[in-house]
């Protein structure tokens, strides 16, 4: 199975979690790591190139830090311009039909904050419903989310465990 990991972190060099996840993935075979902010620093997305890249892979991973209960802006823009009618969905679409989709995110807040009685009032699953709906629309098989809570306070040992678990999730 070929896997495309679309990494969307505006400052990956300064990230602890997403950067470490990428380092682990780059050691694996059959995985293409695609850093949107590196490829498109001007945010001018080459739609044909992106669609071709997606078509070449069986599993698509969207990896990002959770910003304001959503994806970073470049990933949203990527969805808007790449997942087009007639390609991703619609009567002439279906290019992602049957592909696996994995959402992998780092959240600064602790898991208990993502509960109905927590500070954020909603679960991660509830907040990610737009991505779930997108997966349904494009015919992709949504895999269980990979979430690293408390990203800002992880110990080095916890970070390594997270990276190992993430690589295992992406490659299995």
Protein backbone atom coordinates (compact mmCIF):
# COMPACT_ATOMS: atom_id res chain seq x y z
CA UNK A 1 0.00 0.00 0.00
CA UNK A 2 1.33 3.41 -0.94
CA UNK A 3 0.72 6.24 1.50
CA UNK A 4 0.71 9.99 0.96
CA UNK A 5 1.14 12.04 4.12
CA UNK A 6 0.07 15.63 3.55
CA UNK A 7 1.78 17.59 6.31
CA UNK A 8 0.33 21.02 6.91
CA UNK A 9 2.19 22.84 9.66
CA UNK A 10 2.99 26.53 9.08
CA UNK A 11 6.23 26.26 11.06
CA UNK A 12 7.30 22.63 11.00
CA UNK A 13 10.89 23.48 11.94
CA UNK A 14 9.71 24.81 15.32
CA UNK A 15 7.23 22.00 15.97
CA UNK A 16 8.10 19.24 18.41
CA UNK A 17 5.31 16.77 17.65
CA UNK A 18 4.68 17.16 13.92
CA UNK A 19 8.38 17.48 13.16
CA UNK A 20 9.15 14.30 15.12
CA UNK A 21 6.31 12.46 13.38
CA UNK A 22 7.71 13.47 9.98
CA UNK A 23 11.20 12.33 10.98
CA UNK A 24 9.81 8.90 11.84
CA UNK A 25 7.81 8.65 8.62
CA UNK A 26 10.76 9.57 6.40
CA UNK A 27 12.56 6.40 7.56
CA UNK A 28 9.74 4.22 6.17
CA UNK A 29 9.37 2.85 2.66
CA UNK A 30 6.18 3.28 0.67
CA UNK A 31 5.43 6.64 2.29
CA UNK A 32 5.51 9.99 0.51
CA UNK A 33 5.76 12.92 2.91
CA UNK A 34 4.36 16.04 1.26
CA UNK A 35 4.80 19.29 3.22
CA UNK A 36 2.32 21.81 1.83
CA UNK A 37 3.90 24.88 3.44
CA UNK A 38 7.30 23.88 2.03
CA UNK A 39 5.98 23.18 -1.47
CA UNK A 40 3.65 26.20 -1.55
CA UNK A 41 5.17 29.01 0.56
CA UNK A 42 3.15 31.44 -1.57
CA UNK A 43 0.02 29.28 -1.07
CA UNK A 44 -0.48 29.00 -4.84
CA UNK A 45 -1.43 25.35 -5.12
CA UNK A 46 -0.77 23.43 -8.34
CA UNK A 47 -4.10 21.61 -8.52
CA UNK A 48 -3.17 19.19 -11.33
CA UNK A 49 0.04 18.20 -9.54
CA UNK A 50 -1.80 17.65 -6.26
CA UNK A 51 -4.53 15.58 -7.89
CA UNK A 52 -1.97 13.43 -9.65
CA UNK A 53 -0.09 12.89 -6.39
CA UNK A 54 -3.28 11.83 -4.60
CA UNK A 55 -4.23 9.46 -7.42
CA UNK A 56 -0.86 7.69 -7.10
CA UNK A 57 -1.51 6.63 -3.49
CA UNK A 58 -3.89 4.23 -1.76
CA UNK A 59 -3.93 5.91 1.64
CA UNK A 60 -4.03 9.65 2.27
CA UNK A 61 -3.02 11.03 5.66
CA UNK A 62 -3.83 14.60 6.61
CA UNK A 63 -1.36 15.55 9.36
CA UNK A 64 -1.68 18.92 11.08
CA UNK A 65 -1.77 20.81 14.36
CA UNK A 66 -5.33 21.53 15.50
CA UNK A 67 -5.83 25.30 15.13
CA UNK A 68 -8.95 27.02 16.41
CA UNK A 69 -10.84 23.72 16.28
CA UNK A 70 -9.94 23.19 12.65
CA UNK A 71 -7.15 22.63 10.16
CA UNK A 72 -4.47 25.18 9.29
CA UNK A 73 -5.61 27.54 6.55
CA UNK A 74 -3.44 26.03 3.81
CA UNK A 75 -5.00 22.61 4.32
CA UNK A 76 -8.47 24.13 4.04
CA UNK A 77 -7.39 25.91 0.87
CA UNK A 78 -5.96 22.62 -0.44
CA UNK A 79 -9.34 20.96 0.14
CA UNK A 80 -11.16 23.83 -1.57
CA UNK A 81 -9.07 23.82 -4.75
CA UNK A 82 -7.97 20.16 -5.06
CA UNK A 83 -11.13 18.26 -4.09
CA UNK A 84 -13.10 19.57 -7.03
CA UNK A 85 -16.43 18.58 -8.49
CA UNK A 86 -15.82 16.26 -11.41
CA UNK A 87 -12.61 14.94 -9.88
CA UNK A 88 -13.17 14.16 -6.21
CA UNK A 89 -16.96 13.88 -6.34
CA UNK A 90 -19.92 14.27 -8.66
CA UNK A 91 -21.09 12.25 -11.63
CA UNK A 92 -17.67 12.42 -13.32
CA UNK A 93 -15.66 12.38 -10.05
CA UNK A 94 -14.75 9.56 -7.75
CA UNK A 95 -10.96 9.66 -8.01
CA UNK A 96 -10.70 9.06 -4.25
CA UNK A 97 -13.37 6.39 -4.11
CA UNK A 98 -12.18 3.55 -1.88
CA UNK A 99 -8.95 5.22 -0.81
CA UNK A 100 -8.23 5.26 2.90
CA UNK A 101 -8.18 8.60 4.71
CA UNK A 102 -6.42 9.05 8.04
CA UNK A 103 -6.68 12.28 10.02
CA UNK A 104 -3.66 12.78 12.30
CA UNK A 105 -3.50 15.82 14.51
CA UNK A 106 -1.71 17.29 17.45
CA UNK A 107 -3.77 19.24 19.96
CA UNK A 108 -2.12 21.49 22.52
CA UNK A 109 -4.94 21.00 25.00
CA UNK A 110 -5.33 17.96 27.23
CA UNK A 111 -7.83 15.26 26.29
CA UNK A 112 -10.12 16.07 29.23
CA UNK A 113 -10.66 19.52 27.73
CA UNK A 114 -12.24 17.89 24.67
CA UNK A 115 -15.28 16.58 26.54
CA UNK A 116 -18.79 17.98 26.90
CA UNK A 117 -17.97 19.12 30.42
CA UNK A 118 -14.44 20.23 29.50
CA UNK A 119 -13.09 23.63 28.58
CA UNK A 120 -13.68 23.13 24.84
CA UNK A 121 -17.22 21.70 25.33
CA UNK A 122 -16.94 19.33 22.35
CA UNK A 123 -15.08 16.12 21.59
CA UNK A 124 -12.43 15.92 18.88
CA UNK A 125 -14.79 13.65 16.93
CA UNK A 126 -17.50 16.31 17.00
CA UNK A 127 -15.09 19.06 15.97
CA UNK A 128 -13.79 16.95 13.09
CA UNK A 129 -17.22 16.32 11.59
CA UNK A 130 -16.48 18.50 8.52
CA UNK A 131 -13.57 16.18 7.64
CA UNK A 132 -15.79 13.17 8.24
CA UNK A 133 -18.41 14.64 5.91
CA UNK A 134 -15.73 15.36 3.31
CA UNK A 135 -14.54 11.77 3.50
CA UNK A 136 -18.09 10.58 2.93
CA UNK A 137 -18.63 12.95 -0.02
CA UNK A 138 -15.46 11.85 -1.81
CA UNK A 139 -16.02 8.15 -1.11
CA UNK A 140 -12.89 7.63 0.97
CA UNK A 141 -12.81 5.17 3.85
CA UNK A 142 -12.22 7.21 7.00
CA UNK A 143 -9.88 5.46 9.42
CA UNK A 144 -9.94 6.09 13.18
CA UNK A 145 -8.40 9.45 14.03
CA UNK A 146 -4.87 9.65 15.38
CA UNK A 147 -4.79 12.37 18.02
CA UNK A 148 -1.95 13.49 20.24
CA UNK A 149 -3.39 15.56 23.06
CA UNK A 150 -1.26 17.81 25.28
CA UNK A 151 1.26 18.38 22.50
CA UNK A 152 2.82 21.36 24.23
CA UNK A 153 3.66 19.54 27.46
CA UNK A 154 4.86 16.12 26.29
CA UNK A 155 8.01 14.78 27.85
CA UNK A 156 10.73 13.55 25.50
CA UNK A 157 9.75 9.98 26.34
CA UNK A 158 6.07 10.65 25.60
CA UNK A 159 7.05 12.31 22.32
CA UNK A 160 9.04 9.24 21.27
CA UNK A 161 6.13 6.97 22.18
CA UNK A 162 3.79 9.17 20.17
CA UNK A 163 6.10 9.08 17.15
CA UNK A 164 6.42 5.30 17.30
CA UNK A 165 2.66 4.83 17.63
CA UNK A 166 2.04 7.26 14.79
CA UNK A 167 4.45 5.52 12.41
CA UNK A 168 2.86 2.19 13.31
CA UNK A 169 -0.62 3.60 12.64
CA UNK A 170 0.36 5.08 9.28
CA UNK A 171 2.15 1.95 8.10
CA UNK A 172 -0.39 -0.64 9.25
